[in-house]
C-alpha atoms as a PDB file:
ATOM      1  CA  MET A   1      88.540 123.104 129.608  1.00  0.00           C
ATOM      2  CA  ASN A   2      89.294 120.594 132.317  1.00  0.00           C
ATOM      3  CA  THR A   3      90.885 117.453 130.838  1.00  0.00           C
ATOM      4  CA  SER A   4      90.469 115.353 133.986  1.00  0.00           C
ATOM      5  CA  ASN A   5      86.749 114.862 133.216  1.00  0.00           C
ATOM      6  CA  ILE A   6      87.402 113.544 129.704  1.00  0.00           C
ATOM      7  CA  TYR A   7      87.428 109.774 129.366  1.00  0.00           C
ATOM      8  CA  THR A   8      90.621 108.511 127.737  1.00  0.00           C
ATOM      9  CA  PRO A   9      90.601 104.783 127.048  1.00  0.00           C
ATOM     10  CA  ILE A  10      93.741 102.862 127.823  1.00  0.00           C
ATOM     11  CA  LEU A  11      95.255 100.917 124.929  1.00  0.00           C
ATOM     12  CA  SER A  12      97.941  98.298 125.274  1.00  0.00           C
ATOM     13  CA  CYS A  13     100.473  96.996 122.817  1.00  0.00           C
ATOM     14  CA  ILE A  14      99.668  93.480 121.615  1.00  0.00           C
ATOM     15  CA  LYS A  15     103.291  92.306 121.794  1.00  0.00           C
ATOM     16  CA  CYS A  16     104.743  93.871 124.935  1.00  0.00           C
ATOM     17  CA  ARG A  17     101.516  94.778 126.784  1.00  0.00           C
ATOM     18  CA  GLN A  18     102.744  98.303 127.454  1.00  0.00           C
ATOM     19  CA  GLU A  19      99.759 100.559 128.143  1.00  0.00           C
ATOM     20  CA  PHE A  20      99.119 103.854 126.356  1.00  0.00           C
ATOM     21  CA  ASP A  21      96.337 106.371 126.347  1.00  0.00           C
ATOM     22  CA  THR A  22      94.978 107.271 122.908  1.00  0.00           C
ATOM     23  CA  TYR A  23      96.958 110.496 122.674  1.00  0.00           C
ATOM     24  CA  ALA A  24     100.310 108.974 123.593  1.00  0.00           C
ATOM     25  CA  ILE A  25     100.051 106.215 121.016  1.00  0.00           C
ATOM     26  CA  LEU A  26      99.488 108.816 118.308  1.00  0.00           C
ATOM     27  CA  LEU A  27     102.322 111.088 119.400  1.00  0.00           C
ATOM     28  CA  LEU A  28     105.010 108.711 120.613  1.00  0.00           C
ATOM     29  CA  PRO A  29     106.609 106.081 118.384  1.00  0.00           C
ATOM     30  CA  HIS A  30     106.574 102.645 119.935  1.00  0.00           C
ATOM     31  CA  ASN A  31     108.779  99.785 118.824  1.00  0.00           C
ATOM     32  CA  CYS A  32     108.585  96.464 120.656  1.00  0.00           C
ATOM     33  CA  ARG A  33     111.327  94.797 118.697  1.00  0.00           C
ATOM     34  CA  PRO A  34     114.903  94.990 119.934  1.00  0.00           C
ATOM     35  CA  LYS A  35     117.076  97.407 118.049  1.00  0.00           C
ATOM     36  CA  SER A  36     118.989  95.777 115.243  1.00  0.00           C
ATOM     37  CA  SER A  37     121.658  96.961 112.877  1.00  0.00           C
ATOM     38  CA  TYR A  38     121.341  97.661 109.171  1.00  0.00           C
ATOM     39  CA  SER A  39     123.458  94.568 108.527  1.00  0.00           C
ATOM     40  CA  THR A  40     121.071  92.314 110.433  1.00  0.00           C
ATOM     41  CA  ASN A  41     118.043  93.863 108.770  1.00  0.00           C
ATOM     42  CA  GLY A  42     119.655  93.419 105.350  1.00  0.00           C
ATOM     43  CA  LYS A  43     120.358  89.748 106.010  1.00  0.00           C
ATOM     44  CA  LEU A  44     116.803  89.141 107.209  1.00  0.00           C
ATOM     45  CA  GLY A  45     115.410  90.948 104.176  1.00  0.00           C
ATOM     46  CA  GLY A  46     117.653  88.916 101.887  1.00  0.00           C
ATOM     47  CA  GLU A  47     116.439  85.648 103.400  1.00  0.00           C
ATOM     48  CA  ALA A  48     112.814  86.708 103.061  1.00  0.00           C
ATOM     49  CA  SER A  49     113.366  87.762  99.440  1.00  0.00           C
ATOM     50  CA  LYS A  50     115.008  84.427  98.683  1.00  0.00           C
ATOM     51  CA  LEU A  51     111.973  82.531  99.999  1.00  0.00           C
ATOM     52  CA  VAL A  52     109.615  84.696  97.952  1.00  0.00           C
ATOM     53  CA  ALA A  53     111.731  84.165  94.813  1.00  0.00           C
ATOM     54  CA  ILE A  54     111.748  80.379  95.320  1.00  0.00           C
ATOM     55  CA  GLU A  55     107.965  80.290  95.695  1.00  0.00           C
ATOM     56  CA  LYS A  56     107.506  82.491  92.626  1.00  0.00           C
ATOM     57  CA  ASN A  57     109.852  80.270  90.591  1.00  0.00           C
ATOM     58  CA  LYS A  58     107.876  77.156  91.600  1.00  0.00           C
ATOM     59  CA  LYS A  59     104.641  78.850  90.578  1.00  0.00           C
ATOM     60  CA  VAL A  60     106.017  79.957  87.181  1.00  0.00           C
ATOM     61  CA  ARG A  61     107.415  76.477  86.468  1.00  0.00           C
ATOM     62  CA  LEU A  62     104.051  74.921  87.319  1.00  0.00           C
ATOM     63  CA  ILE A  63     102.282  77.325  84.958  1.00  0.00           C
ATOM     64  CA  TYR A  64     104.813  76.457  82.218  1.00  0.00           C
ATOM     65  CA  ALA A  65     104.305  72.711  82.823  1.00  0.00           C
ATOM     66  CA  ASN A  66     100.576  73.155  82.173  1.00  0.00           C
ATOM     67  CA  ASN A  67     101.177  74.986  78.868  1.00  0.00           C
ATOM     68  CA  PRO A  68     104.707  74.239  77.533  1.00  0.00           C
ATOM     69  CA  SER A  69     106.376  75.516  74.367  1.00  0.00           C
ATOM     70  CA  TYR A  70     106.987  73.123  71.483  1.00  0.00           C
ATOM     71  CA  CYS A  71     109.783  72.987  68.915  1.00  0.00           C
ATOM     72  CA  LYS A  72     108.449  74.238  65.568  1.00  0.00           C
ATOM     73  CA  GLU A  73     110.364  71.541  63.633  1.00  0.00           C
ATOM     74  CA  CYS A  74     110.133  68.303  65.620  1.00  0.00           C
ATOM     75  CA  TYR A  75     107.224  69.199  67.969  1.00  0.00           C
ATOM     76  CA  ILE A  76     108.874  68.031  71.190  1.00  0.00           C
ATOM     77  CA  ILE A  77     108.276  69.862  74.455  1.00  0.00           C
ATOM     78  CA  MET A  78     110.947  72.480  75.118  1.00  0.00           C
ATOM     79  CA  PRO A  79     112.630  72.377  78.545  1.00  0.00           C
ATOM     80  CA  TYR A  80     111.899  75.278  80.885  1.00  0.00           C
ATOM     81  CA  SER A  81     115.391  76.728  80.348  1.00  0.00           C
ATOM     82  CA  LYS A  82     114.722  76.990  76.562  1.00  0.00           C
ATOM     83  CA  ARG A  83     111.086  78.108  76.809  1.00  0.00           C
ATOM     84  CA  HIS A  84     111.678  81.302  74.789  1.00  0.00           C
ATOM     85  CA  ASN A  85     113.407  79.531  71.860  1.00  0.00           C
ATOM     86  CA  LYS A  86     111.530  78.554  68.694  1.00  0.00           C
ATOM     87  CA  PHE A  87     113.602  75.426  68.009  1.00  0.00           C
ATOM     88  CA  CYS A  88     115.049  72.848  70.405  1.00  0.00           C
ATOM     89  CA  GLY A  89     118.575  72.923  68.959  1.00  0.00           C
ATOM     90  CA  SER A  90     120.749  73.612  65.921  1.00  0.00           C
ATOM     91  CA  SER A  91     119.633  70.373  64.252  1.00  0.00           C
ATOM     92  CA  CYS A  92     116.083  71.705  63.910  1.00  0.00           C
END
């Protein structure tokens, strides 16, 4: 079978505009980003995780503000830090 007659579309990478035929992009790994160390990747992952945790904490606090816990004795709203307690303090 003569492969010169077969049409192979040219694909290009969106980031670096390097061109590949369909077979090469499936067989060869392509990484546009510069090589970085495990230390750098760990720091970047830690920063991303921190941002996600902050957003999640804001969301959970907003949900708690809409439906707070109350002290069973004096019926005041419990602060977020004591949301799992049944009473607001030792006096109740």
